[in-house]
mmCIF file of all heavy atoms, coordinates in Angstrom:
data_MODEL
# 
_entry.id   MODEL 
# 
loop_
_atom_site.group_PDB 
_atom_site.id 
_atom_site.type_symbol 
_atom_site.label_atom_id 
_atom_site.label_alt_id 
_atom_site.label_comp_id 
_atom_site.label_asym_id 
_atom_site.label_entity_id 
_atom_site.label_seq_id 
_atom_site.pdbx_PDB_ins_code 
_atom_site.Cartn_x 
_atom_site.Cartn_y 
_atom_site.Cartn_z 
_atom_site.occupancy 
_atom_site.B_iso_or_equiv 
_atom_site.pdbx_formal_charge 
_atom_site.auth_seq_id 
_atom_site.auth_comp_id 
_atom_site.auth_asym_id 
_atom_site.auth_atom_id 
_atom_site.pdbx_PDB_model_num 
ATOM 1   N N   . ALA A 1 1  ? 39.493 26.196 -38.934 1.00 0.00 ? 1  ALA A N   1 
ATOM 2   C CA  . ALA A 1 1  ? 38.757 27.490 -39.318 1.00 0.00 ? 1  ALA A CA  1 
ATOM 3   C C   . ALA A 1 1  ? 38.951 27.670 -40.792 1.00 0.00 ? 1  ALA A C   1 
ATOM 4   O O   . ALA A 1 1  ? 37.936 28.109 -41.494 1.00 0.00 ? 1  ALA A O   1 
ATOM 5   C CB  . ALA A 1 1  ? 39.187 28.626 -38.497 1.00 0.00 ? 1  ALA A CB  1 
ATOM 6   N N   . SER A 1 2  ? 40.136 27.445 -41.398 1.00 0.00 ? 2  SER A N   1 
ATOM 7   C CA  . SER A 1 2  ? 40.361 27.729 -42.680 1.00 0.00 ? 2  SER A CA  1 
ATOM 8   C C   . SER A 1 2  ? 39.645 26.722 -43.584 1.00 0.00 ? 2  SER A C   1 
ATOM 9   O O   . SER A 1 2  ? 39.154 27.043 -44.694 1.00 0.00 ? 2  SER A O   1 
ATOM 10  C CB  . SER A 1 2  ? 41.763 27.891 -43.031 1.00 0.00 ? 2  SER A CB  1 
ATOM 11  O OG  . SER A 1 2  ? 42.513 26.543 -42.933 1.00 0.00 ? 2  SER A OG  1 
ATOM 12  N N   . ILE A 1 3  ? 39.634 25.455 -43.090 1.00 0.00 ? 3  ILE A N   1 
ATOM 13  C CA  . ILE A 1 3  ? 38.928 24.367 -43.855 1.00 0.00 ? 3  ILE A CA  1 
ATOM 14  C C   . ILE A 1 3  ? 37.412 24.707 -43.817 1.00 0.00 ? 3  ILE A C   1 
ATOM 15  O O   . ILE A 1 3  ? 36.742 24.629 -44.938 1.00 0.00 ? 3  ILE A O   1 
ATOM 16  C CB  . ILE A 1 3  ? 39.141 22.999 -43.068 1.00 0.00 ? 3  ILE A CB  1 
ATOM 17  C CG1 . ILE A 1 3  ? 40.689 22.639 -43.343 1.00 0.00 ? 3  ILE A CG1 1 
ATOM 18  C CG2 . ILE A 1 3  ? 38.180 22.007 -43.658 1.00 0.00 ? 3  ILE A CG2 1 
ATOM 19  C CD1 . ILE A 1 3  ? 41.073 21.491 -42.502 1.00 0.00 ? 3  ILE A CD1 1 
ATOM 20  N N   . ALA A 1 4  ? 36.836 25.286 -42.760 1.00 0.00 ? 4  ALA A N   1 
ATOM 21  C CA  . ALA A 1 4  ? 35.440 25.579 -42.637 1.00 0.00 ? 4  ALA A CA  1 
ATOM 22  C C   . ALA A 1 4  ? 35.039 26.540 -43.701 1.00 0.00 ? 4  ALA A C   1 
ATOM 23  O O   . ALA A 1 4  ? 33.864 26.436 -44.407 1.00 0.00 ? 4  ALA A O   1 
ATOM 24  C CB  . ALA A 1 4  ? 34.982 26.092 -41.256 1.00 0.00 ? 4  ALA A CB  1 
ATOM 25  N N   . ASP A 1 5  ? 36.040 27.459 -44.031 1.00 0.00 ? 5  ASP A N   1 
ATOM 26  C CA  . ASP A 1 5  ? 35.766 28.441 -45.126 1.00 0.00 ? 5  ASP A CA  1 
ATOM 27  C C   . ASP A 1 5  ? 35.578 27.943 -46.477 1.00 0.00 ? 5  ASP A C   1 
ATOM 28  O O   . ASP A 1 5  ? 35.100 28.545 -47.362 1.00 0.00 ? 5  ASP A O   1 
ATOM 29  C CB  . ASP A 1 5  ? 36.794 29.553 -45.040 1.00 0.00 ? 5  ASP A CB  1 
ATOM 30  C CG  . ASP A 1 5  ? 36.792 30.429 -43.834 1.00 0.00 ? 5  ASP A CG  1 
ATOM 31  O OD1 . ASP A 1 5  ? 35.649 30.622 -43.198 1.00 0.00 ? 5  ASP A OD1 1 
ATOM 32  O OD2 . ASP A 1 5  ? 37.826 31.039 -43.500 1.00 0.00 ? 5  ASP A OD2 1 
ATOM 33  N N   . THR A 1 6  ? 36.166 26.697 -46.699 1.00 0.00 ? 6  THR A N   1 
ATOM 34  C CA  . THR A 1 6  ? 36.112 26.048 -48.033 1.00 0.00 ? 6  THR A CA  1 
ATOM 35  C C   . THR A 1 6  ? 34.821 25.208 -48.288 1.00 0.00 ? 6  THR A C   1 
ATOM 36  O O   . THR A 1 6  ? 34.601 24.780 -49.377 1.00 0.00 ? 6  THR A O   1 
ATOM 37  C CB  . THR A 1 6  ? 37.354 25.206 -48.218 1.00 0.00 ? 6  THR A CB  1 
ATOM 38  O OG1 . THR A 1 6  ? 37.232 24.004 -47.360 1.00 0.00 ? 6  THR A OG1 1 
ATOM 39  C CG2 . THR A 1 6  ? 38.442 25.989 -47.950 1.00 0.00 ? 6  THR A CG2 1 
ATOM 40  N N   . ILE A 1 7  ? 34.092 24.989 -47.246 1.00 0.00 ? 7  ILE A N   1 
ATOM 41  C CA  . ILE A 1 7  ? 32.966 24.104 -47.345 1.00 0.00 ? 7  ILE A CA  1 
ATOM 42  C C   . ILE A 1 7  ? 31.754 24.741 -48.005 1.00 0.00 ? 7  ILE A C   1 
ATOM 43  O O   . ILE A 1 7  ? 31.428 25.900 -47.463 1.00 0.00 ? 7  ILE A O   1 
ATOM 44  C CB  . ILE A 1 7  ? 32.443 23.435 -45.978 1.00 0.00 ? 7  ILE A CB  1 
ATOM 45  C CG1 . ILE A 1 7  ? 33.692 22.746 -45.321 1.00 0.00 ? 7  ILE A CG1 1 
ATOM 46  C CG2 . ILE A 1 7  ? 31.352 22.530 -46.202 1.00 0.00 ? 7  ILE A CG2 1 
ATOM 47  C CD1 . ILE A 1 7  ? 33.423 22.384 -43.942 1.00 0.00 ? 7  ILE A CD1 1 
ATOM 48  N N   . SER A 1 8  ? 31.162 24.221 -48.939 1.00 0.00 ? 8  SER A N   1 
ATOM 49  C CA  . SER A 1 8  ? 30.184 24.942 -49.714 1.00 0.00 ? 8  SER A CA  1 
ATOM 50  C C   . SER A 1 8  ? 28.793 24.805 -49.071 1.00 0.00 ? 8  SER A C   1 
ATOM 51  O O   . SER A 1 8  ? 28.516 23.671 -48.568 1.00 0.00 ? 8  SER A O   1 
ATOM 52  C CB  . SER A 1 8  ? 30.088 24.603 -51.187 1.00 0.00 ? 8  SER A CB  1 
ATOM 53  O OG  . SER A 1 8  ? 29.391 23.304 -51.276 1.00 0.00 ? 8  SER A OG  1 
ATOM 54  N N   . ASP A 1 9  ? 27.924 25.820 -49.117 1.00 0.00 ? 9  ASP A N   1 
ATOM 55  C CA  . ASP A 1 9  ? 26.595 25.727 -48.604 1.00 0.00 ? 9  ASP A CA  1 
ATOM 56  C C   . ASP A 1 9  ? 25.789 24.762 -49.475 1.00 0.00 ? 9  ASP A C   1 
ATOM 57  O O   . ASP A 1 9  ? 24.999 24.010 -48.720 1.00 0.00 ? 9  ASP A O   1 
ATOM 58  C CB  . ASP A 1 9  ? 25.856 27.079 -48.640 1.00 0.00 ? 9  ASP A CB  1 
ATOM 59  C CG  . ASP A 1 9  ? 26.385 28.114 -47.668 1.00 0.00 ? 9  ASP A CG  1 
ATOM 60  O OD1 . ASP A 1 9  ? 26.891 27.641 -46.800 1.00 0.00 ? 9  ASP A OD1 1 
ATOM 61  O OD2 . ASP A 1 9  ? 26.253 29.374 -48.062 1.00 0.00 ? 9  ASP A OD2 1 
ATOM 62  N N   . GLU A 1 10 ? 26.155 24.541 -50.538 1.00 0.00 ? 10 GLU A N   1 
ATOM 63  C CA  . GLU A 1 10 ? 25.437 23.470 -51.403 1.00 0.00 ? 10 GLU A CA  1 
ATOM 64  C C   . GLU A 1 10 ? 25.673 22.122 -51.004 1.00 0.00 ? 10 GLU A C   1 
ATOM 65  O O   . GLU A 1 10 ? 24.741 21.264 -50.842 1.00 0.00 ? 10 GLU A O   1 
ATOM 66  C CB  . GLU A 1 10 ? 25.806 23.633 -52.864 1.00 0.00 ? 10 GLU A CB  1 
ATOM 67  C CG  . GLU A 1 10 ? 25.146 22.722 -53.839 1.00 0.00 ? 10 GLU A CG  1 
ATOM 68  C CD  . GLU A 1 10 ? 25.552 22.809 -55.241 1.00 0.00 ? 10 GLU A CD  1 
ATOM 69  O OE1 . GLU A 1 10 ? 26.385 23.734 -55.512 1.00 0.00 ? 10 GLU A OE1 1 
ATOM 70  O OE2 . GLU A 1 10 ? 25.002 21.967 -56.133 1.00 0.00 ? 10 GLU A OE2 1 
ATOM 71  N N   . GLU A 1 11 ? 26.925 21.890 -50.558 1.00 0.00 ? 11 GLU A N   1 
ATOM 72  C CA  . GLU A 1 11 ? 27.316 20.499 -50.065 1.00 0.00 ? 11 GLU A CA  1 
ATOM 73  C C   . GLU A 1 11 ? 26.503 20.257 -48.756 1.00 0.00 ? 11 GLU A C   1 
ATOM 74  O O   . GLU A 1 11 ? 26.037 19.249 -48.466 1.00 0.00 ? 11 GLU A O   1 
ATOM 75  C CB  . GLU A 1 11 ? 28.894 20.461 -49.908 1.00 0.00 ? 11 GLU A CB  1 
ATOM 76  C CG  . GLU A 1 11 ? 29.499 20.283 -51.189 1.00 0.00 ? 11 GLU A CG  1 
ATOM 77  C CD  . GLU A 1 11 ? 31.073 20.437 -50.898 1.00 0.00 ? 11 GLU A CD  1 
ATOM 78  O OE1 . GLU A 1 11 ? 31.545 20.448 -49.703 1.00 0.00 ? 11 GLU A OE1 1 
ATOM 79  O OE2 . GLU A 1 11 ? 31.774 20.533 -51.893 1.00 0.00 ? 11 GLU A OE2 1 
ATOM 80  N N   . VAL A 1 12 ? 26.655 21.306 -47.871 1.00 0.00 ? 12 VAL A N   1 
ATOM 81  C CA  . VAL A 1 12 ? 25.985 21.170 -46.486 1.00 0.00 ? 12 VAL A CA  1 
ATOM 82  C C   . VAL A 1 12 ? 24.415 21.022 -46.673 1.00 0.00 ? 12 VAL A C   1 
ATOM 83  O O   . VAL A 1 12 ? 23.967 20.045 -46.010 1.00 0.00 ? 12 VAL A O   1 
ATOM 84  C CB  . VAL A 1 12 ? 26.270 22.377 -45.604 1.00 0.00 ? 12 VAL A CB  1 
ATOM 85  C CG1 . VAL A 1 12 ? 25.476 22.340 -44.354 1.00 0.00 ? 12 VAL A CG1 1 
ATOM 86  C CG2 . VAL A 1 12 ? 27.746 22.521 -45.378 1.00 0.00 ? 12 VAL A CG2 1 
ATOM 87  N N   . ASN A 1 13 ? 23.850 21.728 -47.500 1.00 0.00 ? 13 ASN A N   1 
ATOM 88  C CA  . ASN A 1 13 ? 22.440 21.687 -47.622 1.00 0.00 ? 13 ASN A CA  1 
ATOM 89  C C   . ASN A 1 13 ? 21.910 20.312 -48.249 1.00 0.00 ? 13 ASN A C   1 
ATOM 90  O O   . ASN A 1 13 ? 20.983 19.766 -47.849 1.00 0.00 ? 13 ASN A O   1 
ATOM 91  C CB  . ASN A 1 13 ? 21.777 22.733 -48.491 1.00 0.00 ? 13 ASN A CB  1 
ATOM 92  C CG  . ASN A 1 13 ? 21.938 24.029 -47.743 1.00 0.00 ? 13 ASN A CG  1 
ATOM 93  O OD1 . ASN A 1 13 ? 21.934 24.272 -46.665 1.00 0.00 ? 13 ASN A OD1 1 
ATOM 94  N ND2 . ASN A 1 13 ? 22.054 25.175 -48.609 1.00 0.00 ? 13 ASN A ND2 1 
ATOM 95  N N   . GLY A 1 14 ? 22.756 19.747 -49.145 1.00 0.00 ? 14 GLY A N   1 
ATOM 96  C CA  . GLY A 1 14 ? 22.524 18.442 -49.717 1.00 0.00 ? 14 GLY A CA  1 
ATOM 97  C C   . GLY A 1 14 ? 22.575 17.377 -48.689 1.00 0.00 ? 14 GLY A C   1 
ATOM 98  O O   . GLY A 1 14 ? 21.880 16.421 -48.663 1.00 0.00 ? 14 GLY A O   1 
ATOM 99  N N   . PHE A 1 15 ? 23.570 17.518 -47.790 1.00 0.00 ? 15 PHE A N   1 
ATOM 100 C CA  . PHE A 1 15 ? 23.764 16.564 -46.796 1.00 0.00 ? 15 PHE A CA  1 
ATOM 101 C C   . PHE A 1 15 ? 22.689 16.613 -45.731 1.00 0.00 ? 15 PHE A C   1 
ATOM 102 O O   . PHE A 1 15 ? 22.002 15.529 -45.425 1.00 0.00 ? 15 PHE A O   1 
ATOM 103 C CB  . PHE A 1 15 ? 25.118 16.858 -46.072 1.00 0.00 ? 15 PHE A CB  1 
ATOM 104 C CG  . PHE A 1 15 ? 25.460 15.806 -44.955 1.00 0.00 ? 15 PHE A CG  1 
ATOM 105 C CD1 . PHE A 1 15 ? 25.613 14.496 -45.109 1.00 0.00 ? 15 PHE A CD1 1 
ATOM 106 C CD2 . PHE A 1 15 ? 25.791 16.314 -43.636 1.00 0.00 ? 15 PHE A CD2 1 
ATOM 107 C CE1 . PHE A 1 15 ? 25.932 13.659 -44.143 1.00 0.00 ? 15 PHE A CE1 1 
ATOM 108 C CE2 . PHE A 1 15 ? 26.176 15.500 -42.684 1.00 0.00 ? 15 PHE A CE2 1 
ATOM 109 C CZ  . PHE A 1 15 ? 26.309 14.112 -42.878 1.00 0.00 ? 15 PHE A CZ  1 
ATOM 110 N N   . LEU A 1 16 ? 22.225 17.841 -45.370 1.00 0.00 ? 16 LEU A N   1 
ATOM 111 C CA  . LEU A 1 16 ? 21.081 17.980 -44.382 1.00 0.00 ? 16 LEU A CA  1 
ATOM 112 C C   . LEU A 1 16 ? 19.816 17.328 -45.012 1.00 0.00 ? 16 LEU A C   1 
ATOM 113 O O   . LEU A 1 16 ? 19.126 16.763 -44.371 1.00 0.00 ? 16 LEU A O   1 
ATOM 114 C CB  . LEU A 1 16 ? 20.936 19.473 -44.109 1.00 0.00 ? 16 LEU A CB  1 
ATOM 115 C CG  . LEU A 1 16 ? 21.938 20.121 -43.072 1.00 0.00 ? 16 LEU A CG  1 
ATOM 116 C CD1 . LEU A 1 16 ? 21.946 21.573 -43.180 1.00 0.00 ? 16 LEU A CD1 1 
ATOM 117 C CD2 . LEU A 1 16 ? 21.757 19.459 -41.707 1.00 0.00 ? 16 LEU A CD2 1 
ATOM 118 N N   . ASP A 1 17 ? 19.673 17.602 -46.322 1.00 0.00 ? 17 ASP A N   1 
ATOM 119 C CA  . ASP A 1 17 ? 18.432 17.088 -47.035 1.00 0.00 ? 17 ASP A CA  1 
ATOM 120 C C   . ASP A 1 17 ? 18.423 15.643 -46.901 1.00 0.00 ? 17 ASP A C   1 
ATOM 121 O O   . ASP A 1 17 ? 17.268 15.048 -46.622 1.00 0.00 ? 17 ASP A O   1 
ATOM 122 C CB  . ASP A 1 17 ? 18.479 17.644 -48.298 1.00 0.00 ? 17 ASP A CB  1 
ATOM 123 C CG  . ASP A 1 17 ? 17.150 17.393 -49.046 1.00 0.00 ? 17 ASP A CG  1 
ATOM 124 O OD1 . ASP A 1 17 ? 15.991 17.762 -48.590 1.00 0.00 ? 17 ASP A OD1 1 
ATOM 125 O OD2 . ASP A 1 17 ? 17.173 16.827 -50.158 1.00 0.00 ? 17 ASP A OD2 1 
ATOM 126 N N   . LEU A 1 18 ? 19.549 14.981 -47.192 1.00 0.00 ? 18 LEU A N   1 
ATOM 127 C CA  . LEU A 1 18 ? 19.512 13.541 -47.054 1.00 0.00 ? 18 LEU A CA  1 
ATOM 128 C C   . LEU A 1 18 ? 19.209 13.117 -45.861 1.00 0.00 ? 18 LEU A C   1 
ATOM 129 O O   . LEU A 1 18 ? 18.447 12.064 -45.573 1.00 0.00 ? 18 LEU A O   1 
ATOM 130 C CB  . LEU A 1 18 ? 20.932 12.986 -47.551 1.00 0.00 ? 18 LEU A CB  1 
ATOM 131 C CG  . LEU A 1 18 ? 21.273 12.755 -49.121 1.00 0.00 ? 18 LEU A CG  1 
ATOM 132 C CD1 . LEU A 1 18 ? 22.513 12.185 -49.167 1.00 0.00 ? 18 LEU A CD1 1 
ATOM 133 C CD2 . LEU A 1 18 ? 20.089 12.066 -49.647 1.00 0.00 ? 18 LEU A CD2 1 
ATOM 134 N N   . LEU A 1 19 ? 19.928 13.540 -44.689 1.00 0.00 ? 19 LEU A N   1 
ATOM 135 C CA  . LEU A 1 19 ? 19.556 13.227 -43.381 1.00 0.00 ? 19 LEU A CA  1 
ATOM 136 C C   . LEU A 1 19 ? 18.046 13.428 -42.891 1.00 0.00 ? 19 LEU A C   1 
ATOM 137 O O   . LEU A 1 19 ? 17.531 12.435 -42.378 1.00 0.00 ? 19 LEU A O   1 
ATOM 138 C CB  . LEU A 1 19 ? 20.362 14.040 -42.352 1.00 0.00 ? 19 LEU A CB  1 
ATOM 139 C CG  . LEU A 1 19 ? 21.952 13.841 -42.527 1.00 0.00 ? 19 LEU A CG  1 
ATOM 140 C CD1 . LEU A 1 19 ? 22.571 14.677 -41.516 1.00 0.00 ? 19 LEU A CD1 1 
ATOM 141 C CD2 . LEU A 1 19 ? 22.278 12.386 -42.329 1.00 0.00 ? 19 LEU A CD2 1 
ATOM 142 N N   . LEU A 1 20 ? 17.428 14.533 -43.327 1.00 0.00 ? 20 LEU A N   1 
ATOM 143 C CA  . LEU A 1 20 ? 16.008 14.835 -42.914 1.00 0.00 ? 20 LEU A CA  1 
ATOM 144 C C   . LEU A 1 20 ? 15.113 13.864 -43.771 1.00 0.00 ? 20 LEU A C   1 
ATOM 145 O O   . LEU A 1 20 ? 13.996 13.675 -43.154 1.00 0.00 ? 20 LEU A O   1 
ATOM 146 C CB  . LEU A 1 20 ? 15.748 16.177 -43.228 1.00 0.00 ? 20 LEU A CB  1 
ATOM 147 C CG  . LEU A 1 20 ? 16.514 17.209 -42.208 1.00 0.00 ? 20 LEU A CG  1 
ATOM 148 C CD1 . LEU A 1 20 ? 16.351 18.565 -42.725 1.00 0.00 ? 20 LEU A CD1 1 
ATOM 149 C CD2 . LEU A 1 20 ? 15.954 17.070 -40.815 1.00 0.00 ? 20 LEU A CD2 1 
ATOM 150 N N   . LYS A 1 21 ? 15.515 13.397 -44.866 1.00 0.00 ? 21 LYS A N   1 
ATOM 151 C CA  . LYS A 1 21 ? 14.593 12.540 -45.616 1.00 0.00 ? 21 LYS A CA  1 
ATOM 152 C C   . LYS A 1 21 ? 14.732 11.060 -45.399 1.00 0.00 ? 21 LYS A C   1 
ATOM 153 O O   . LYS A 1 21 ? 13.915 10.247 -45.823 1.00 0.00 ? 21 LYS A O   1 
ATOM 154 C CB  . LYS A 1 21 ? 14.593 12.910 -47.172 1.00 0.00 ? 21 LYS A CB  1 
ATOM 155 C CG  . LYS A 1 21 ? 14.084 14.242 -47.489 1.00 0.00 ? 21 LYS A CG  1 
ATOM 156 C CD  . LYS A 1 21 ? 14.365 14.443 -48.988 1.00 0.00 ? 21 LYS A CD  1 
ATOM 157 C CE  . LYS A 1 21 ? 13.690 15.895 -49.415 1.00 0.00 ? 21 LYS A CE  1 
ATOM 158 N NZ  . LYS A 1 21 ? 14.003 16.148 -50.800 1.00 0.00 ? 21 LYS A NZ  1 
ATOM 159 N N   . ALA A 1 22 ? 15.847 10.651 -44.727 1.00 0.00 ? 22 ALA A N   1 
ATOM 160 C CA  . ALA A 1 22 ? 16.146 9.241  -44.466 1.00 0.00 ? 22 ALA A CA  1 
ATOM 161 C C   . ALA A 1 22 ? 15.219 8.518  -43.533 1.00 0.00 ? 22 ALA A C   1 
ATOM 162 O O   . ALA A 1 22 ? 14.732 9.074  -42.591 1.00 0.00 ? 22 ALA A O   1 
ATOM 163 C CB  . ALA A 1 22 ? 17.606 9.154  -43.946 1.00 0.00 ? 22 ALA A CB  1 
ATOM 164 N N   . ASP A 1 23 ? 14.846 7.386  -43.961 1.00 0.00 ? 23 ASP A N   1 
ATOM 165 C CA  . ASP A 1 23 ? 14.139 6.674  -42.966 1.00 0.00 ? 23 ASP A CA  1 
ATOM 166 C C   . ASP A 1 23 ? 14.974 6.215  -41.781 1.00 0.00 ? 23 ASP A C   1 
ATOM 167 O O   . ASP A 1 23 ? 14.671 6.370  -40.549 1.00 0.00 ? 23 ASP A O   1 
ATOM 168 C CB  . ASP A 1 23 ? 13.667 5.160  -43.536 1.00 0.00 ? 23 ASP A CB  1 
ATOM 169 C CG  . ASP A 1 23 ? 12.639 5.299  -44.648 1.00 0.00 ? 23 ASP A CG  1 
ATOM 170 O OD1 . ASP A 1 23 ? 12.033 6.355  -44.614 1.00 0.00 ? 23 ASP A OD1 1 
ATOM 171 O OD2 . ASP A 1 23 ? 12.459 4.429  -45.480 1.00 0.00 ? 23 ASP A OD2 1 
ATOM 172 N N   . ARG A 1 24 ? 16.283 5.859  -42.035 1.00 0.00 ? 24 ARG A N   1 
ATOM 173 C CA  . ARG A 1 24 ? 17.168 5.605  -40.953 1.00 0.00 ? 24 ARG A CA  1 
ATOM 174 C C   . ARG A 1 24 ? 18.582 6.025  -41.398 1.00 0.00 ? 24 ARG A C   1 
ATOM 175 O O   . ARG A 1 24 ? 18.870 6.052  -42.675 1.00 0.00 ? 24 ARG A O   1 
ATOM 176 C CB  . ARG A 1 24 ? 17.255 4.113  -40.517 1.00 0.00 ? 24 ARG A CB  1 
ATOM 177 C CG  . ARG A 1 24 ? 15.993 3.696  -39.947 1.00 0.00 ? 24 ARG A CG  1 
ATOM 178 C CD  . ARG A 1 24 ? 16.068 2.081  -39.759 1.00 0.00 ? 24 ARG A CD  1 
ATOM 179 N NE  . ARG A 1 24 ? 16.176 1.312  -41.003 1.00 0.00 ? 24 ARG A NE  1 
ATOM 180 C CZ  . ARG A 1 24 ? 16.115 0.048  -41.130 1.00 0.00 ? 24 ARG A CZ  1 
ATOM 181 N NH1 . ARG A 1 24 ? 15.844 -0.797 -39.917 1.00 0.00 ? 24 ARG A NH1 1 
ATOM 182 N NH2 . ARG A 1 24 ? 16.356 -0.610 -42.335 1.00 0.00 ? 24 ARG A NH2 1 
ATOM 183 N N   . ILE A 1 25 ? 19.466 6.372  -40.589 1.00 0.00 ? 25 ILE A N   1 
ATOM 184 C CA  . ILE A 1 25 ? 20.810 6.870  -40.841 1.00 0.00 ? 25 ILE A CA  1 
ATOM 185 C C   . ILE A 1 25 ? 21.881 5.873  -40.200 1.00 0.00 ? 25 ILE A C   1 
ATOM 186 O O   . ILE A 1 25 ? 21.756 5.553  -39.078 1.00 0.00 ? 25 ILE A O   1 
ATOM 187 C CB  . ILE A 1 25 ? 21.041 8.293  -40.306 1.00 0.00 ? 25 ILE A CB  1 
ATOM 188 C CG1 . ILE A 1 25 ? 19.953 9.295  -40.798 1.00 0.00 ? 25 ILE A CG1 1 
ATOM 189 C CG2 . ILE A 1 25 ? 22.446 8.655  -40.743 1.00 0.00 ? 25 ILE A CG2 1 
ATOM 190 C CD1 . ILE A 1 25 ? 19.956 10.479 -40.072 1.00 0.00 ? 25 ILE A CD1 1 
ATOM 191 N N   . TYR A 1 26 ? 22.625 5.369  -41.192 1.00 0.00 ? 26 TYR A N   1 
ATOM 192 C CA  . TYR A 1 26 ? 23.770 4.416  -40.760 1.00 0.00 ? 26 TYR A CA  1 
ATOM 193 C C   . TYR A 1 26 ? 25.103 5.183  -41.052 1.00 0.00 ? 26 TYR A C   1 
ATOM 194 O O   . TYR A 1 26 ? 25.151 5.862  -41.947 1.00 0.00 ? 26 TYR A O   1 
ATOM 195 C CB  . TYR A 1 26 ? 23.759 3.179  -41.802 1.00 0.00 ? 26 TYR A CB  1 
ATOM 196 C CG  . TYR A 1 26 ? 22.597 2.246  -41.479 1.00 0.00 ? 26 TYR A CG  1 
ATOM 197 C CD1 . TYR A 1 26 ? 21.339 2.630  -41.919 1.00 0.00 ? 26 TYR A CD1 1 
ATOM 198 C CD2 . TYR A 1 26 ? 22.862 1.023  -41.067 1.00 0.00 ? 26 TYR A CD2 1 
ATOM 199 C CE1 . TYR A 1 26 ? 20.314 1.836  -41.692 1.00 0.00 ? 26 TYR A CE1 1 
ATOM 200 C CE2 . TYR A 1 26 ? 21.728 0.101  -41.040 1.00 0.00 ? 26 TYR A CE2 1 
ATOM 201 C CZ  . TYR A 1 26 ? 20.582 0.534  -41.191 1.00 0.00 ? 26 TYR A CZ  1 
ATOM 202 O OH  . TYR A 1 26 ? 19.379 -0.231 -40.999 1.00 0.00 ? 26 TYR A OH  1 
# 
């Protein structure tokens, strides 16, 4: 739970954006 508090929204949104735009995910 304390680790979750350190994760930035910017990192998460960037990750989600890559996944949604990918042709395929490896």
